[in-house]
């Protein structure tokens, strides 16, 4: 299904809803089916994935080459930046760059951690659809 065909099918679904020929649930299902069909017919090795878990990512559908790539796209769509992870810090809580700087005597470079992003990441799984 090409883009124009997908848009026409969505318009048809919306028209049926506006005319009272379809209820909201049927319209949602029809539009979701059009989107899945359109997304699954992309050329290339990409697959369609859905996030299942906590808000705000639950139900997000993305096209990606792998589950890890899909996870990154889901987080990006939700506007969530992962930032520095616990594996990137030593017991002092400093990022690896600051440990190197400590050896050179510049100990205060990373005292202000306001530049590091560490938004809470919701719990979710990625499933291929």
C-alpha atoms as a PDB file:
ATOM      1  CA  UNK A   1       0.000   0.000   0.000  1.00  0.00           C
ATOM      2  CA  UNK A   2       1.478   3.347  -0.994  1.00  0.00           C
ATOM      3  CA  UNK A   3       1.149   6.571   0.996  1.00  0.00           C
ATOM      4  CA  UNK A   4      -1.684   8.018  -1.109  1.00  0.00           C
ATOM      5  CA  UNK A   5      -3.694   4.810  -0.846  1.00  0.00           C
ATOM      6  CA  UNK A   6      -3.181   4.743   2.921  1.00  0.00           C
ATOM      7  CA  UNK A   7      -4.347   8.346   3.252  1.00  0.00           C
ATOM      8  CA  UNK A   8      -7.429   7.638   1.139  1.00  0.00           C
ATOM      9  CA  UNK A   9      -8.284   4.646   3.327  1.00  0.00           C
ATOM     10  CA  UNK A  10      -7.926   6.781   6.473  1.00  0.00           C
ATOM     11  CA  UNK A  11     -10.106   9.492   4.906  1.00  0.00           C
ATOM     12  CA  UNK A  12     -12.731   6.855   4.058  1.00  0.00           C
ATOM     13  CA  UNK A  13     -12.690   5.645   7.671  1.00  0.00           C
ATOM     14  CA  UNK A  14     -13.075   9.206   8.980  1.00  0.00           C
ATOM     15  CA  UNK A  15     -15.889   9.925   6.531  1.00  0.00           C
ATOM     16  CA  UNK A  16     -17.765   6.817   7.668  1.00  0.00           C
ATOM     17  CA  UNK A  17     -17.338   7.951  11.280  1.00  0.00           C
ATOM     18  CA  UNK A  18     -18.566  11.482  10.501  1.00  0.00           C
ATOM     19  CA  UNK A  19     -21.574  10.116   8.599  1.00  0.00           C
ATOM     20  CA  UNK A  20     -22.502   7.864  11.513  1.00  0.00           C
ATOM     21  CA  UNK A  21     -21.824   4.682   9.551  1.00  0.00           C
ATOM     22  CA  UNK A  22     -19.066   3.581  11.973  1.00  0.00           C
ATOM     23  CA  UNK A  23     -18.515   4.027  15.690  1.00  0.00           C
ATOM     24  CA  UNK A  24     -15.260   5.187  17.291  1.00  0.00           C
ATOM     25  CA  UNK A  25     -13.968   1.673  18.033  1.00  0.00           C
ATOM     26  CA  UNK A  26     -14.513   0.510  14.448  1.00  0.00           C
ATOM     27  CA  UNK A  27     -12.886   3.678  13.105  1.00  0.00           C
ATOM     28  CA  UNK A  28      -9.857   3.265  15.374  1.00  0.00           C
ATOM     29  CA  UNK A  29      -9.455  -0.356  14.305  1.00  0.00           C
ATOM     30  CA  UNK A  30      -9.758   0.521  10.618  1.00  0.00           C
ATOM     31  CA  UNK A  31      -7.198   3.347  10.861  1.00  0.00           C
ATOM     32  CA  UNK A  32      -4.788   1.149  12.872  1.00  0.00           C
ATOM     33  CA  UNK A  33      -5.104  -1.597  10.263  1.00  0.00           C
ATOM     34  CA  UNK A  34      -4.318   0.869   7.482  1.00  0.00           C
ATOM     35  CA  UNK A  35      -1.268   2.136   9.381  1.00  0.00           C
ATOM     36  CA  UNK A  36       0.035  -1.378  10.098  1.00  0.00           C
ATOM     37  CA  UNK A  37      -0.427  -2.418   6.485  1.00  0.00           C
ATOM     38  CA  UNK A  38       1.319   0.710   5.256  1.00  0.00           C
ATOM     39  CA  UNK A  39       4.213   0.372   7.719  1.00  0.00           C
ATOM     40  CA  UNK A  40       4.723  -3.336   7.106  1.00  0.00           C
ATOM     41  CA  UNK A  41       5.114  -2.808   3.359  1.00  0.00           C
ATOM     42  CA  UNK A  42       8.170  -0.534   3.592  1.00  0.00           C
ATOM     43  CA  UNK A  43      11.004  -1.786   1.433  1.00  0.00           C
ATOM     44  CA  UNK A  44      14.059  -2.980   3.306  1.00  0.00           C
ATOM     45  CA  UNK A  45      14.830  -5.091   6.337  1.00  0.00           C
ATOM     46  CA  UNK A  46      12.883  -2.980   8.845  1.00  0.00           C
ATOM     47  CA  UNK A  47      10.043  -4.463  10.890  1.00  0.00           C
ATOM     48  CA  UNK A  48       7.109  -2.960  12.748  1.00  0.00           C
ATOM     49  CA  UNK A  49       7.357  -2.955  16.552  1.00  0.00           C
ATOM     50  CA  UNK A  50       5.040  -1.878  19.375  1.00  0.00           C
ATOM     51  CA  UNK A  51       5.922  -0.834  22.918  1.00  0.00           C
ATOM     52  CA  UNK A  52       3.962  -2.582  25.652  1.00  0.00           C
ATOM     53  CA  UNK A  53       4.246  -1.271  29.195  1.00  0.00           C
ATOM     54  CA  UNK A  54       4.019   1.974  31.129  1.00  0.00           C
ATOM     55  CA  UNK A  55       2.835   5.350  29.885  1.00  0.00           C
ATOM     56  CA  UNK A  56       3.800   7.394  27.946  1.00  0.00           C
ATOM     57  CA  UNK A  57       5.289   4.740  25.636  1.00  0.00           C
ATOM     58  CA  UNK A  58       2.600   2.042  25.845  1.00  0.00           C
ATOM     59  CA  UNK A  59       1.125   1.351  22.407  1.00  0.00           C
ATOM     60  CA  UNK A  60       3.709   3.355  20.467  1.00  0.00           C
ATOM     61  CA  UNK A  61       4.332   1.743  17.062  1.00  0.00           C
ATOM     62  CA  UNK A  62       7.635   2.278  15.220  1.00  0.00           C
ATOM     63  CA  UNK A  63       9.458   0.869  12.205  1.00  0.00           C
ATOM     64  CA  UNK A  64      13.034  -0.225  12.935  1.00  0.00           C
ATOM     65  CA  UNK A  65      15.700  -2.737  11.942  1.00  0.00           C
ATOM     66  CA  UNK A  66      15.868  -4.426  15.375  1.00  0.00           C
ATOM     67  CA  UNK A  67      14.330  -4.484  18.837  1.00  0.00           C
ATOM     68  CA  UNK A  68      17.097  -2.300  20.335  1.00  0.00           C
ATOM     69  CA  UNK A  69      16.658   0.229  17.523  1.00  0.00           C
ATOM     70  CA  UNK A  70      12.892   0.140  18.055  1.00  0.00           C
ATOM     71  CA  UNK A  71      13.386   0.778  21.786  1.00  0.00           C
ATOM     72  CA  UNK A  72      15.498   3.856  20.989  1.00  0.00           C
ATOM     73  CA  UNK A  73      12.862   5.152  18.547  1.00  0.00           C
ATOM     74  CA  UNK A  74      10.060   4.629  21.071  1.00  0.00           C
ATOM     75  CA  UNK A  75      11.984   6.591  23.714  1.00  0.00           C
ATOM     76  CA  UNK A  76      12.758   9.339  21.211  1.00  0.00           C
ATOM     77  CA  UNK A  77       9.076   9.578  20.209  1.00  0.00           C
ATOM     78  CA  UNK A  78       8.155   9.998  23.871  1.00  0.00           C
ATOM     79  CA  UNK A  79      10.827  12.685  24.289  1.00  0.00           C
ATOM     80  CA  UNK A  80      12.743  10.648  26.848  1.00  0.00           C
ATOM     81  CA  UNK A  81      16.525  10.917  26.944  1.00  0.00           C
ATOM     82  CA  UNK A  82      18.305   8.044  28.615  1.00  0.00           C
ATOM     83  CA  UNK A  83      21.423  10.003  29.665  1.00  0.00           C
ATOM     84  CA  UNK A  84      24.209   8.530  31.761  1.00  0.00           C
ATOM     85  CA  UNK A  85      23.536   5.022  32.994  1.00  0.00           C
ATOM     86  CA  UNK A  86      24.727   3.466  36.224  1.00  0.00           C
ATOM     87  CA  UNK A  87      27.259   1.409  34.273  1.00  0.00           C
ATOM     88  CA  UNK A  88      28.900   4.655  33.114  1.00  0.00           C
ATOM     89  CA  UNK A  89      29.710   5.785  36.645  1.00  0.00           C
ATOM     90  CA  UNK A  90      32.080   4.611  39.314  1.00  0.00           C
ATOM     91  CA  UNK A  91      31.107   4.307  43.021  1.00  0.00           C
ATOM     92  CA  UNK A  92      31.720   8.058  43.440  1.00  0.00           C
ATOM     93  CA  UNK A  93      28.917   8.686  40.926  1.00  0.00           C
ATOM     94  CA  UNK A  94      31.167  10.521  38.499  1.00  0.00           C
ATOM     95  CA  UNK A  95      31.008   9.851  34.756  1.00  0.00           C
ATOM     96  CA  UNK A  96      34.051   8.258  33.097  1.00  0.00           C
ATOM     97  CA  UNK A  97      35.237  11.593  31.681  1.00  0.00           C
ATOM     98  CA  UNK A  98      35.541  13.052  35.183  1.00  0.00           C
ATOM     99  CA  UNK A  99      37.611  10.108  36.393  1.00  0.00           C
ATOM    100  CA  UNK A 100      40.107  10.866  33.616  1.00  0.00           C
ATOM    101  CA  UNK A 101      40.049  14.547  34.492  1.00  0.00           C
ATOM    102  CA  UNK A 102      40.636  13.722  38.188  1.00  0.00           C
ATOM    103  CA  UNK A 103      43.924  12.119  37.183  1.00  0.00           C
ATOM    104  CA  UNK A 104      45.022  15.337  35.503  1.00  0.00           C
ATOM    105  CA  UNK A 105      44.091  17.464  38.535  1.00  0.00           C
ATOM    106  CA  UNK A 106      40.921  19.062  37.117  1.00  0.00           C
ATOM    107  CA  UNK A 107      38.580  17.759  39.828  1.00  0.00           C
ATOM    108  CA  UNK A 108      35.792  20.329  39.534  1.00  0.00           C
ATOM    109  CA  UNK A 109      34.865  19.938  35.883  1.00  0.00           C
ATOM    110  CA  UNK A 110      31.906  17.610  36.590  1.00  0.00           C
ATOM    111  CA  UNK A 111      30.786  18.925  39.969  1.00  0.00           C
ATOM    112  CA  UNK A 112      27.802  20.551  38.236  1.00  0.00           C
ATOM    113  CA  UNK A 113      25.727  17.620  36.966  1.00  0.00           C
ATOM    114  CA  UNK A 114      22.942  19.781  35.525  1.00  0.00           C
ATOM    115  CA  UNK A 115      24.171  19.068  32.004  1.00  0.00           C
ATOM    116  CA  UNK A 116      23.723  15.288  32.368  1.00  0.00           C
ATOM    117  CA  UNK A 117      20.260  14.045  31.455  1.00  0.00           C
ATOM    118  CA  UNK A 118      18.811  11.128  33.360  1.00  0.00           C
ATOM    119  CA  UNK A 119      15.049  11.150  32.829  1.00  0.00           C
ATOM    120  CA  UNK A 120      13.144   8.247  34.370  1.00  0.00           C
ATOM    121  CA  UNK A 121      12.663   5.561  31.733  1.00  0.00           C
ATOM    122  CA  UNK A 122       9.310   3.748  31.864  1.00  0.00           C
ATOM    123  CA  UNK A 123       9.287  -0.030  32.006  1.00  0.00           C
ATOM    124  CA  UNK A 124       8.265  -1.528  28.669  1.00  0.00           C
ATOM    125  CA  UNK A 125       8.879  -4.390  26.283  1.00  0.00           C
ATOM    126  CA  UNK A 126       9.169  -4.269  22.497  1.00  0.00           C
ATOM    127  CA  UNK A 127       7.119  -6.726  20.465  1.00  0.00           C
ATOM    128  CA  UNK A 128       7.217  -7.353  16.728  1.00  0.00           C
ATOM    129  CA  UNK A 129       3.788  -6.948  15.116  1.00  0.00           C
END
